[in-house]
């Protein structure tokens, strides 16, 4: 059974528009894992369904527009309602309220850099437009940095899917997606431990986390 491959069979029928649609949908359907979908797009690229540049451009455009839509929706709805939604969404995906507040505080300190880097973190990347939308300021820097982060995220997984399909024929894309998730989580754990160790060295004597 390969549900991601079944999804890609539908996407292939619509070509670039199908790629744009799944890029847009991953912003609003959390149960659709973007890394799995992008790996499958890379596999389909190697099989000749579309070229890698077209796949990257279409999925990045769809996801970037979805990100912008979330950002402006927060601006329209207002801070109070958006915060309540963010807290509920955070609990649903395992991010408690205090972590949500820390992410918002992070954005206040360094918006542009974090707009880029948050797009490289699973789960957080979906909530990042809401974090930014709660803060005043011009959206151009946030949207540009987010689009760059989205392009890097998409390129990594589309490229991995392309290379994996080229090396291993008849690969099960669902198993490939799960393997990629395991590698991604392991890499993030190593980076987190390294960052915490580094910050611990720089922390002033007597300070607390």
N, C-alpha and C. Protein backbone atom coordinates (compact mmCIF):
# COMPACT_ATOMS: atom_id res chain seq x y z
N UNK A 1 0.86 -1.20 0.00
CA UNK A 1 0.00 0.00 0.00
C UNK A 1 0.89 1.24 0.00
N UNK A 2 0.58 2.18 -0.87
CA UNK A 2 1.40 3.38 -1.02
C UNK A 2 0.50 4.58 -1.23
N UNK A 3 -0.08 5.15 -0.15
CA UNK A 3 -1.06 6.23 -0.31
C UNK A 3 -0.50 7.49 -0.94
N UNK A 4 0.77 7.80 -0.68
CA UNK A 4 1.35 9.00 -1.28
C UNK A 4 1.47 8.84 -2.79
N UNK A 5 1.85 7.64 -3.23
CA UNK A 5 1.92 7.39 -4.68
C UNK A 5 0.53 7.49 -5.31
N UNK A 6 -0.50 7.05 -4.58
CA UNK A 6 -1.87 7.16 -5.10
C UNK A 6 -2.27 8.63 -5.26
N UNK A 7 -1.86 9.47 -4.30
CA UNK A 7 -2.13 10.90 -4.41
C UNK A 7 -1.42 11.48 -5.63
N UNK A 8 -0.19 11.07 -5.84
CA UNK A 8 0.57 11.61 -6.95
C UNK A 8 -0.01 11.19 -8.30
N UNK A 9 -0.68 10.04 -8.33
CA UNK A 9 -1.32 9.63 -9.58
C UNK A 9 -2.38 10.64 -9.99
N UNK A 10 -3.09 11.20 -8.99
CA UNK A 10 -4.09 12.25 -9.27
C UNK A 10 -3.40 13.54 -9.68
N UNK A 11 -2.33 13.90 -8.98
CA UNK A 11 -1.63 15.15 -9.29
C UNK A 11 -1.08 15.12 -10.71
N UNK A 12 -0.56 13.97 -11.12
CA UNK A 12 0.04 13.84 -12.45
C UNK A 12 -0.95 14.17 -13.57
N UNK A 13 -2.22 13.88 -13.32
CA UNK A 13 -3.24 14.15 -14.33
C UNK A 13 -3.34 15.65 -14.65
N UNK A 14 -3.04 16.49 -13.69
CA UNK A 14 -3.23 17.93 -13.84
C UNK A 14 -1.92 18.69 -14.03
N UNK A 15 -0.81 17.98 -14.06
CA UNK A 15 0.46 18.61 -14.37
C UNK A 15 0.86 19.71 -13.40
N UNK A 16 1.30 20.84 -13.95
CA UNK A 16 1.79 21.94 -13.12
C UNK A 16 0.70 22.49 -12.20
N UNK A 17 -0.56 22.49 -12.68
CA UNK A 17 -1.64 22.97 -11.82
C UNK A 17 -1.83 22.04 -10.62
N UNK A 18 -1.70 20.74 -10.83
CA UNK A 18 -1.79 19.79 -9.73
C UNK A 18 -0.69 20.02 -8.71
N UNK A 19 0.52 20.30 -9.18
CA UNK A 19 1.64 20.61 -8.29
C UNK A 19 1.37 21.87 -7.49
N UNK A 20 0.85 22.88 -8.17
CA UNK A 20 0.49 24.13 -7.48
C UNK A 20 -0.56 23.85 -6.41
N UNK A 21 -1.54 23.01 -6.72
CA UNK A 21 -2.63 22.72 -5.79
C UNK A 21 -2.13 22.01 -4.54
N UNK A 22 -1.25 21.04 -4.69
CA UNK A 22 -0.76 20.33 -3.51
C UNK A 22 0.17 21.23 -2.70
N UNK A 23 0.91 22.12 -3.37
CA UNK A 23 1.73 23.08 -2.64
C UNK A 23 0.87 24.02 -1.80
N UNK A 24 -0.25 24.43 -2.36
CA UNK A 24 -1.19 25.28 -1.63
C UNK A 24 -1.88 24.51 -0.50
N UNK A 25 -2.28 23.27 -0.79
CA UNK A 25 -3.05 22.48 0.17
C UNK A 25 -2.25 22.14 1.42
N UNK A 26 -0.94 21.94 1.29
CA UNK A 26 -0.17 21.55 2.47
C UNK A 26 -0.15 22.64 3.54
N UNK A 27 -0.50 23.87 3.16
CA UNK A 27 -0.59 24.95 4.14
C UNK A 27 -1.86 24.87 4.98
N UNK A 28 -2.88 24.24 4.46
CA UNK A 28 -4.18 24.24 5.13
C UNK A 28 -4.63 22.85 5.57
N UNK A 29 -3.92 21.81 5.17
CA UNK A 29 -4.28 20.44 5.54
C UNK A 29 -3.08 19.83 6.26
N UNK A 30 -3.01 19.97 7.60
CA UNK A 30 -1.83 19.49 8.34
C UNK A 30 -1.57 18.00 8.20
N UNK A 31 -2.60 17.21 7.90
CA UNK A 31 -2.40 15.76 7.80
C UNK A 31 -1.68 15.39 6.51
N UNK A 32 -1.51 16.35 5.60
CA UNK A 32 -0.78 16.10 4.36
C UNK A 32 0.69 16.46 4.60
N UNK A 33 1.56 15.46 4.82
CA UNK A 33 2.97 15.77 5.13
C UNK A 33 3.68 16.31 3.91
N UNK A 34 4.18 17.52 4.00
CA UNK A 34 4.80 18.15 2.83
C UNK A 34 6.05 17.41 2.40
N UNK A 35 6.82 16.90 3.37
CA UNK A 35 8.05 16.20 2.98
C UNK A 35 7.73 14.95 2.17
N UNK A 36 6.68 14.22 2.55
CA UNK A 36 6.29 13.04 1.80
C UNK A 36 5.79 13.38 0.41
N UNK A 37 4.98 14.42 0.34
CA UNK A 37 4.46 14.85 -0.95
C UNK A 37 5.59 15.32 -1.87
N UNK A 38 6.53 16.07 -1.32
CA UNK A 38 7.63 16.58 -2.14
C UNK A 38 8.57 15.47 -2.59
N UNK A 39 8.80 14.48 -1.73
CA UNK A 39 9.58 13.33 -2.15
C UNK A 39 8.92 12.62 -3.33
N UNK A 40 7.59 12.48 -3.23
CA UNK A 40 6.86 11.83 -4.32
C UNK A 40 6.92 12.66 -5.60
N UNK A 41 6.91 13.99 -5.47
CA UNK A 41 7.05 14.86 -6.64
C UNK A 41 8.41 14.63 -7.29
N UNK A 42 9.45 14.49 -6.46
CA UNK A 42 10.78 14.22 -6.99
C UNK A 42 10.85 12.88 -7.70
N UNK A 43 10.19 11.88 -7.11
CA UNK A 43 10.15 10.55 -7.75
C UNK A 43 9.46 10.64 -9.11
N UNK A 44 8.33 11.36 -9.17
CA UNK A 44 7.59 11.51 -10.42
C UNK A 44 8.40 12.30 -11.44
N UNK A 45 9.23 13.24 -10.96
CA UNK A 45 10.09 14.01 -11.89
C UNK A 45 11.09 13.08 -12.56
N UNK A 46 11.66 12.18 -11.78
CA UNK A 46 12.63 11.25 -12.35
C UNK A 46 11.97 10.30 -13.35
N UNK A 47 10.68 10.03 -13.12
CA UNK A 47 9.94 9.13 -14.02
C UNK A 47 9.41 9.85 -15.25
N UNK A 48 9.62 11.17 -15.33
CA UNK A 48 9.26 11.90 -16.53
C UNK A 48 7.91 12.59 -16.50
N UNK A 49 7.26 12.65 -15.33
CA UNK A 49 5.95 13.31 -15.25
C UNK A 49 6.07 14.81 -15.48
N UNK A 50 7.17 15.40 -15.04
CA UNK A 50 7.47 16.82 -15.23
C UNK A 50 8.94 17.02 -14.95
N UNK A 51 9.47 18.17 -15.27
CA UNK A 51 10.88 18.44 -14.99
C UNK A 51 11.03 18.94 -13.56
N UNK A 52 12.22 18.82 -13.01
CA UNK A 52 12.48 19.27 -11.64
C UNK A 52 12.26 20.78 -11.51
N UNK A 53 12.73 21.63 -12.44
CA UNK A 53 12.47 23.08 -12.30
C UNK A 53 10.98 23.42 -12.26
N UNK A 54 10.17 22.76 -13.10
CA UNK A 54 8.73 23.02 -13.09
C UNK A 54 8.13 22.57 -11.76
N UNK A 55 8.54 21.41 -11.27
CA UNK A 55 8.04 20.91 -9.99
C UNK A 55 8.38 21.86 -8.86
N UNK A 56 9.61 22.33 -8.84
CA UNK A 56 10.05 23.25 -7.78
C UNK A 56 9.30 24.57 -7.86
N UNK A 57 9.16 25.13 -9.07
CA UNK A 57 8.50 26.42 -9.23
C UNK A 57 7.02 26.34 -8.85
N UNK A 58 6.33 25.30 -9.31
CA UNK A 58 4.89 25.19 -9.06
C UNK A 58 4.58 24.95 -7.58
N UNK A 59 5.32 24.04 -6.94
CA UNK A 59 5.05 23.76 -5.52
C UNK A 59 5.44 24.93 -4.64
N UNK A 60 6.53 25.61 -5.00
CA UNK A 60 6.95 26.77 -4.21
C UNK A 60 5.95 27.91 -4.33
N UNK A 61 5.45 28.15 -5.54
CA UNK A 61 4.46 29.20 -5.74
C UNK A 61 3.19 28.90 -4.94
N UNK A 62 2.71 27.66 -5.01
CA UNK A 62 1.50 27.30 -4.27
C UNK A 62 1.66 27.47 -2.77
N UNK A 63 2.78 26.98 -2.23
CA UNK A 63 3.01 27.08 -0.79
C UNK A 63 3.23 28.51 -0.35
N UNK A 64 3.95 29.30 -1.17
CA UNK A 64 4.19 30.71 -0.82
C UNK A 64 2.88 31.50 -0.81
N UNK A 65 2.00 31.25 -1.77
CA UNK A 65 0.71 31.93 -1.78
C UNK A 65 -0.14 31.50 -0.59
N UNK A 66 -0.07 30.23 -0.22
CA UNK A 66 -0.78 29.77 0.97
C UNK A 66 -0.25 30.44 2.23
N UNK A 67 1.06 30.61 2.30
CA UNK A 67 1.68 31.29 3.43
C UNK A 67 1.21 32.74 3.51
N UNK A 68 1.18 33.43 2.36
CA UNK A 68 0.72 34.82 2.32
C UNK A 68 -0.75 34.91 2.71
N UNK A 69 -1.57 33.95 2.26
CA UNK A 69 -3.00 33.96 2.60
C UNK A 69 -3.19 33.83 4.11
N UNK A 70 -2.42 32.94 4.76
CA UNK A 70 -2.51 32.79 6.21
C UNK A 70 -2.10 34.07 6.92
N UNK A 71 -1.05 34.71 6.43
CA UNK A 71 -0.56 35.95 7.03
C UNK A 71 -1.62 37.04 6.99
N UNK A 72 -2.20 37.25 5.80
CA UNK A 72 -3.18 38.33 5.67
C UNK A 72 -4.50 37.98 6.36
N UNK A 73 -4.83 36.70 6.47
CA UNK A 73 -6.04 36.31 7.19
C UNK A 73 -5.94 36.70 8.66
N UNK A 74 -4.74 36.54 9.22
CA UNK A 74 -4.52 36.95 10.62
C UNK A 74 -4.68 38.46 10.76
N UNK A 75 -4.14 39.20 9.80
CA UNK A 75 -4.27 40.66 9.86
C UNK A 75 -5.74 41.10 9.79
N UNK A 76 -6.53 40.39 9.00
CA UNK A 76 -7.94 40.75 8.84
C UNK A 76 -8.75 40.36 10.07
N UNK A 77 -8.52 39.16 10.59
CA UNK A 77 -9.30 38.65 11.72
C UNK A 77 -9.02 39.42 12.99
N UNK A 78 -7.76 39.83 13.19
CA UNK A 78 -7.41 40.57 14.39
C UNK A 78 -6.60 39.72 15.36
N UNK A 79 -5.91 40.40 16.27
CA UNK A 79 -4.98 39.72 17.16
C UNK A 79 -5.66 38.78 18.14
N UNK A 80 -6.74 39.22 18.78
CA UNK A 80 -7.37 38.41 19.83
C UNK A 80 -7.85 37.07 19.27
N UNK A 81 -8.61 37.10 18.19
CA UNK A 81 -9.11 35.85 17.61
C UNK A 81 -7.99 34.99 17.06
N UNK A 82 -7.00 35.63 16.46
CA UNK A 82 -5.89 34.87 15.89
C UNK A 82 -5.08 34.17 16.97
N UNK A 83 -4.90 34.81 18.10
CA UNK A 83 -4.17 34.17 19.20
C UNK A 83 -4.93 32.95 19.72
N UNK A 84 -6.25 33.06 19.83
CA UNK A 84 -7.04 31.91 20.28
C UNK A 84 -6.94 30.76 19.29
N UNK A 85 -7.00 31.09 18.00
CA UNK A 85 -6.85 30.05 16.98
C UNK A 85 -5.47 29.42 17.05
N UNK A 86 -4.44 30.24 17.23
CA UNK A 86 -3.08 29.75 17.27
C UNK A 86 -2.86 28.82 18.46
N UNK A 87 -3.43 29.17 19.59
CA UNK A 87 -3.31 28.33 20.78
C UNK A 87 -4.00 26.99 20.57
N UNK A 88 -5.19 27.00 19.96
CA UNK A 88 -5.89 25.74 19.70
C UNK A 88 -5.14 24.89 18.68
N UNK A 89 -4.66 25.54 17.62
CA UNK A 89 -3.90 24.81 16.60
C UNK A 89 -2.61 24.25 17.18
N UNK A 90 -1.98 25.03 18.05
CA UNK A 90 -0.74 24.56 18.68
C UNK A 90 -0.97 23.32 19.53
N UNK A 91 -2.05 23.31 20.29
CA UNK A 91 -2.36 22.12 21.11
C UNK A 91 -2.65 20.92 20.22
N UNK A 92 -3.32 21.15 19.10
CA UNK A 92 -3.68 20.06 18.19
C UNK A 92 -2.45 19.37 17.62
N UNK A 93 -1.40 20.13 17.35
CA UNK A 93 -0.20 19.54 16.74
C UNK A 93 0.93 19.38 17.77
N UNK A 94 0.60 19.47 19.06
CA UNK A 94 1.59 19.19 20.08
C UNK A 94 2.48 20.35 20.46
N UNK A 95 2.03 21.57 20.26
CA UNK A 95 2.81 22.75 20.64
C UNK A 95 2.03 23.51 21.71
N UNK A 96 2.39 23.37 22.98
CA UNK A 96 1.64 24.04 24.05
C UNK A 96 1.72 25.55 23.97
N UNK A 97 0.84 26.20 24.73
CA UNK A 97 0.72 27.65 24.67
C UNK A 97 2.00 28.40 24.95
N UNK A 98 2.80 27.91 25.91
CA UNK A 98 4.04 28.62 26.24
C UNK A 98 5.04 28.58 25.09
N UNK A 99 5.04 27.49 24.34
CA UNK A 99 5.93 27.43 23.17
C UNK A 99 5.45 28.36 22.07
N UNK A 100 4.14 28.47 21.92
CA UNK A 100 3.59 29.41 20.94
C UNK A 100 4.02 30.83 21.28
N UNK A 101 3.93 31.19 22.55
CA UNK A 101 4.32 32.54 22.96
C UNK A 101 5.81 32.78 22.74
N UNK A 102 6.63 31.74 22.95
CA UNK A 102 8.06 31.90 22.71
C UNK A 102 8.35 32.14 21.24
N UNK A 103 7.61 31.44 20.36
CA UNK A 103 7.82 31.64 18.93
C UNK A 103 7.45 33.07 18.51
N UNK A 104 6.36 33.59 19.08
CA UNK A 104 5.96 34.97 18.77
C UNK A 104 7.04 35.94 19.24
N UNK A 105 7.57 35.70 20.45
CA UNK A 105 8.65 36.55 20.97
C UNK A 105 9.88 36.46 20.09
N UNK A 106 10.19 35.27 19.59
CA UNK A 106 11.32 35.09 18.69
C UNK A 106 11.17 35.98 17.46
N UNK A 107 9.95 36.01 16.92
CA UNK A 107 9.72 36.82 15.72
C UNK A 107 9.94 38.30 16.00
N UNK A 108 9.58 38.74 17.17
CA UNK A 108 9.77 40.15 17.50
C UNK A 108 11.25 40.52 17.45
N UNK A 109 12.11 39.60 17.86
CA UNK A 109 13.54 39.91 17.95
C UNK A 109 14.24 39.88 16.60
N UNK A 110 13.87 38.95 15.75
CA UNK A 110 14.59 38.81 14.48
C UNK A 110 13.67 38.23 13.43
N UNK A 111 12.84 39.07 12.86
CA UNK A 111 11.76 38.59 12.00
C UNK A 111 12.25 37.96 10.70
N UNK A 112 13.12 38.67 9.99
CA UNK A 112 13.48 38.20 8.65
C UNK A 112 14.23 36.87 8.69
N UNK A 113 15.23 36.77 9.56
CA UNK A 113 16.00 35.53 9.64
C UNK A 113 15.13 34.36 10.08
N UNK A 114 14.24 34.60 11.03
CA UNK A 114 13.39 33.51 11.51
C UNK A 114 12.29 33.17 10.51
N UNK A 115 11.85 34.15 9.74
CA UNK A 115 10.87 33.85 8.70
C UNK A 115 11.44 32.83 7.72
N UNK A 116 12.72 32.94 7.43
CA UNK A 116 13.39 31.97 6.56
C UNK A 116 13.59 30.64 7.27
N UNK A 117 14.17 30.68 8.46
CA UNK A 117 14.54 29.43 9.14
C UNK A 117 13.32 28.65 9.61
N UNK A 118 12.23 29.32 9.99
CA UNK A 118 11.04 28.60 10.44
C UNK A 118 10.42 27.77 9.32
N UNK A 119 10.67 28.16 8.07
CA UNK A 119 10.14 27.38 6.95
C UNK A 119 10.91 26.08 6.74
N UNK A 120 11.96 25.88 7.49
CA UNK A 120 12.74 24.65 7.42
C UNK A 120 12.45 23.72 8.60
N UNK A 121 11.43 24.06 9.39
CA UNK A 121 11.08 23.25 10.56
C UNK A 121 9.68 22.68 10.38
N UNK A 122 9.54 21.35 10.46
CA UNK A 122 8.19 20.76 10.35
C UNK A 122 7.27 21.33 11.42
N UNK A 123 6.01 21.41 11.15
CA UNK A 123 4.97 21.92 12.05
C UNK A 123 5.09 23.43 12.25
N UNK A 124 6.24 23.89 12.71
CA UNK A 124 6.44 25.32 12.95
C UNK A 124 6.23 26.11 11.67
N UNK A 125 6.64 25.53 10.54
CA UNK A 125 6.54 26.23 9.25
C UNK A 125 5.09 26.55 8.90
N UNK A 126 4.15 25.72 9.38
CA UNK A 126 2.74 25.97 9.09
C UNK A 126 2.17 27.10 9.94
N UNK A 127 2.71 27.27 11.14
CA UNK A 127 2.21 28.30 12.05
C UNK A 127 2.96 29.63 11.93
N UNK A 128 4.10 29.60 11.25
CA UNK A 128 4.93 30.80 11.15
C UNK A 128 4.18 32.03 10.60
N UNK A 129 3.34 31.90 9.55
CA UNK A 129 2.62 33.08 9.07
C UNK A 129 1.70 33.68 10.12
N UNK A 130 1.16 32.83 10.99
CA UNK A 130 0.31 33.34 12.06
C UNK A 130 1.12 34.10 13.08
N UNK A 131 2.30 33.57 13.44
CA UNK A 131 3.19 34.31 14.35
C UNK A 131 3.45 35.70 13.80
N UNK A 132 3.84 35.77 12.54
CA UNK A 132 4.21 37.05 11.92
C UNK A 132 3.02 37.97 11.79
N UNK A 133 1.86 37.41 11.47
CA UNK A 133 0.67 38.23 11.28
C UNK A 133 0.21 38.93 12.54
N UNK A 134 0.59 38.39 13.70
CA UNK A 134 0.19 39.00 14.97
C UNK A 134 0.99 40.25 15.29
N UNK A 135 2.09 40.45 14.57
CA UNK A 135 2.98 41.57 14.86
C UNK A 135 2.80 42.69 13.85
N UNK A 136 2.91 43.93 14.26
CA UNK A 136 2.82 45.03 13.31
C UNK A 136 4.06 45.10 12.42
N UNK A 137 3.94 45.82 11.34
CA UNK A 137 5.08 45.98 10.45
C UNK A 137 4.73 45.60 9.02
N UNK A 138 5.63 45.95 8.11
CA UNK A 138 5.39 45.68 6.70
C UNK A 138 5.62 44.20 6.40
N UNK A 139 4.79 43.63 5.53
CA UNK A 139 4.88 42.18 5.28
C UNK A 139 5.91 41.77 4.25
N UNK A 140 6.46 42.71 3.47
CA UNK A 140 7.30 42.34 2.34
C UNK A 140 8.51 41.52 2.76
N UNK A 141 9.21 41.94 3.80
CA UNK A 141 10.39 41.22 4.26
C UNK A 141 10.05 39.81 4.71
N UNK A 142 8.95 39.68 5.48
CA UNK A 142 8.53 38.36 5.94
C UNK A 142 8.18 37.45 4.77
N UNK A 143 7.40 37.94 3.82
CA UNK A 143 6.95 37.11 2.71
C UNK A 143 8.12 36.70 1.82
N UNK A 144 9.06 37.62 1.58
CA UNK A 144 10.22 37.28 0.74
C UNK A 144 11.10 36.24 1.42
N UNK A 145 11.36 36.42 2.71
CA UNK A 145 12.19 35.46 3.44
C UNK A 145 11.50 34.10 3.54
N UNK A 146 10.18 34.12 3.74
CA UNK A 146 9.43 32.86 3.81
C UNK A 146 9.47 32.13 2.48
N UNK A 147 9.31 32.87 1.39
CA UNK A 147 9.36 32.25 0.06
C UNK A 147 10.72 31.61 -0.19
N UNK A 148 11.79 32.27 0.25
CA UNK A 148 13.13 31.70 0.09
C UNK A 148 13.26 30.41 0.91
N UNK A 149 12.74 30.42 2.14
CA UNK A 149 12.79 29.22 2.97
C UNK A 149 11.97 28.08 2.37
N UNK A 150 10.82 28.42 1.83
CA UNK A 150 9.96 27.41 1.19
C UNK A 150 10.68 26.79 0.00
N UNK A 151 11.35 27.63 -0.80
CA UNK A 151 12.07 27.13 -1.97
C UNK A 151 13.18 26.15 -1.56
N UNK A 152 13.90 26.48 -0.49
CA UNK A 152 14.96 25.59 -0.02
C UNK A 152 14.37 24.27 0.48
N UNK A 153 13.30 24.34 1.29
CA UNK A 153 12.62 23.15 1.81
C UNK A 153 12.15 22.26 0.65
N UNK A 154 11.48 22.85 -0.31
CA UNK A 154 10.97 22.08 -1.44
C UNK A 154 12.10 21.47 -2.26
N UNK A 155 13.15 22.25 -2.50
CA UNK A 155 14.27 21.75 -3.30
C UNK A 155 14.95 20.57 -2.64
N UNK A 156 15.09 20.62 -1.32
CA UNK A 156 15.74 19.52 -0.60
C UNK A 156 14.99 18.20 -0.80
N UNK A 157 13.67 18.24 -0.63
CA UNK A 157 12.91 16.99 -0.68
C UNK A 157 12.62 16.55 -2.11
N UNK A 158 12.38 17.49 -3.01
CA UNK A 158 12.20 17.11 -4.41
C UNK A 158 13.50 16.49 -4.94
N UNK A 159 14.63 17.12 -4.60
CA UNK A 159 15.92 16.58 -5.02
C UNK A 159 16.18 15.21 -4.42
N UNK A 160 15.83 15.03 -3.13
CA UNK A 160 16.03 13.73 -2.49
C UNK A 160 15.17 12.67 -3.15
N UNK A 161 13.93 12.99 -3.47
CA UNK A 161 13.05 12.04 -4.13
C UNK A 161 13.56 11.68 -5.51
N UNK A 162 14.05 12.68 -6.24
CA UNK A 162 14.59 12.44 -7.58
C UNK A 162 15.79 11.50 -7.52
N UNK A 163 16.72 11.79 -6.61
CA UNK A 163 17.92 10.97 -6.50
C UNK A 163 17.60 9.56 -6.01
N UNK A 164 16.66 9.45 -5.05
CA UNK A 164 16.30 8.14 -4.53
C UNK A 164 15.66 7.29 -5.62
N UNK A 165 14.78 7.89 -6.40
CA UNK A 165 14.13 7.15 -7.48
C UNK A 165 15.13 6.74 -8.55
N UNK A 166 16.12 7.61 -8.77
CA UNK A 166 17.15 7.30 -9.77
C UNK A 166 18.03 6.13 -9.31
N UNK A 167 18.23 6.03 -7.98
CA UNK A 167 19.11 5.00 -7.44
C UNK A 167 18.37 3.70 -7.13
N UNK A 168 17.11 3.82 -6.66
CA UNK A 168 16.34 2.64 -6.24
C UNK A 168 15.05 2.61 -7.04
N UNK A 169 14.97 1.76 -8.01
CA UNK A 169 13.77 1.66 -8.83
C UNK A 169 12.65 0.98 -8.04
N UNK A 170 11.41 1.33 -8.39
CA UNK A 170 10.22 0.77 -7.75
C UNK A 170 10.21 1.03 -6.24
N UNK A 171 10.71 2.20 -5.84
CA UNK A 171 10.70 2.55 -4.42
C UNK A 171 9.29 2.88 -3.95
N UNK A 172 8.94 2.47 -2.75
CA UNK A 172 7.66 2.80 -2.13
C UNK A 172 7.78 4.20 -1.55
N UNK A 173 7.05 5.17 -2.13
CA UNK A 173 7.23 6.56 -1.73
C UNK A 173 6.77 6.83 -0.30
N UNK A 174 5.80 6.06 0.20
CA UNK A 174 5.37 6.24 1.58
C UNK A 174 6.48 5.82 2.54
N UNK A 175 7.12 4.67 2.28
CA UNK A 175 8.24 4.24 3.11
C UNK A 175 9.41 5.20 2.97
N UNK A 176 9.59 5.72 1.77
CA UNK A 176 10.65 6.71 1.55
C UNK A 176 10.38 7.97 2.36
N UNK A 177 9.12 8.39 2.42
CA UNK A 177 8.76 9.58 3.20
C UNK A 177 9.00 9.36 4.68
N UNK A 178 8.64 8.18 5.19
CA UNK A 178 8.85 7.88 6.60
C UNK A 178 10.34 7.83 6.94
N UNK A 179 11.13 7.28 6.02
CA UNK A 179 12.58 7.25 6.23
C UNK A 179 13.15 8.66 6.26
N UNK A 180 12.67 9.50 5.35
CA UNK A 180 13.14 10.88 5.30
C UNK A 180 12.76 11.63 6.58
N UNK A 181 11.56 11.36 7.10
CA UNK A 181 11.14 12.01 8.33
C UNK A 181 12.05 11.61 9.48
N UNK A 182 12.39 10.33 9.55
CA UNK A 182 13.29 9.87 10.60
C UNK A 182 14.64 10.57 10.53
N UNK A 183 15.18 10.70 9.33
CA UNK A 183 16.46 11.39 9.15
C UNK A 183 16.34 12.86 9.51
N UNK A 184 15.21 13.48 9.13
CA UNK A 184 14.99 14.90 9.42
C UNK A 184 14.92 15.14 10.92
N UNK A 185 14.17 14.29 11.63
CA UNK A 185 14.05 14.44 13.08
C UNK A 185 15.38 14.21 13.78
N UNK A 186 16.15 13.24 13.29
CA UNK A 186 17.46 12.98 13.88
C UNK A 186 18.39 14.18 13.69
N UNK A 187 18.37 14.76 12.48
CA UNK A 187 19.21 15.92 12.21
C UNK A 187 18.81 17.11 13.08
N UNK A 188 17.50 17.31 13.26
CA UNK A 188 17.03 18.42 14.09
C UNK A 188 17.41 18.21 15.55
N UNK A 189 17.36 16.96 16.01
CA UNK A 189 17.74 16.67 17.40
C UNK A 189 19.21 17.00 17.63
N UNK A 190 20.06 16.65 16.65
CA UNK A 190 21.49 16.95 16.77
C UNK A 190 21.71 18.46 16.78
N UNK A 191 21.02 19.18 15.89
CA UNK A 191 21.16 20.64 15.85
C UNK A 191 20.67 21.29 17.13
N UNK A 192 19.56 20.78 17.67
CA UNK A 192 19.01 21.34 18.91
C UNK A 192 19.99 21.15 20.06
N UNK A 193 20.57 19.94 20.18
CA UNK A 193 21.51 19.67 21.26
C UNK A 193 22.76 20.52 21.11
N UNK A 194 23.19 20.69 19.86
CA UNK A 194 24.37 21.52 19.63
C UNK A 194 24.10 22.98 20.00
N UNK A 195 22.93 23.49 19.60
CA UNK A 195 22.57 24.88 19.91
C UNK A 195 22.44 25.09 21.41
N UNK A 196 21.84 24.12 22.09
CA UNK A 196 21.67 24.25 23.54
C UNK A 196 23.02 24.22 24.25
N UNK A 197 23.92 23.37 23.78
CA UNK A 197 25.25 23.30 24.36
C UNK A 197 26.00 24.60 24.15
N UNK A 198 25.87 25.16 22.94
CA UNK A 198 26.54 26.42 22.63
C UNK A 198 26.01 27.57 23.48
N UNK A 199 24.67 27.63 23.60
CA UNK A 199 24.07 28.68 24.42
C UNK A 199 24.44 28.52 25.88
N UNK A 200 24.58 27.27 26.33
CA UNK A 200 24.96 27.03 27.71
C UNK A 200 26.34 27.55 28.02
N UNK A 201 27.23 27.46 27.04
CA UNK A 201 28.59 27.99 27.24
C UNK A 201 28.59 29.51 27.33
N UNK A 202 27.68 30.15 26.58
CA UNK A 202 27.64 31.62 26.54
C UNK A 202 26.80 32.21 27.65
N UNK A 203 26.01 31.37 28.34
CA UNK A 203 25.08 31.89 29.35
C UNK A 203 25.85 32.49 30.51
N UNK A 204 25.48 33.68 30.97
CA UNK A 204 26.16 34.31 32.11
C UNK A 204 26.03 33.45 33.36
N UNK A 205 27.00 33.54 34.24
CA UNK A 205 26.97 32.78 35.48
C UNK A 205 25.73 33.15 36.30
N UNK A 206 25.02 32.13 36.74
CA UNK A 206 23.84 32.37 37.58
C UNK A 206 22.57 32.55 36.81
N UNK A 207 22.65 32.65 35.46
CA UNK A 207 21.43 32.82 34.67
C UNK A 207 20.70 31.49 34.56
N UNK A 208 19.42 31.54 34.28
CA UNK A 208 18.60 30.33 34.18
C UNK A 208 17.88 30.32 32.83
N UNK A 209 17.52 29.12 32.38
CA UNK A 209 16.77 29.00 31.14
C UNK A 209 15.36 29.50 31.34
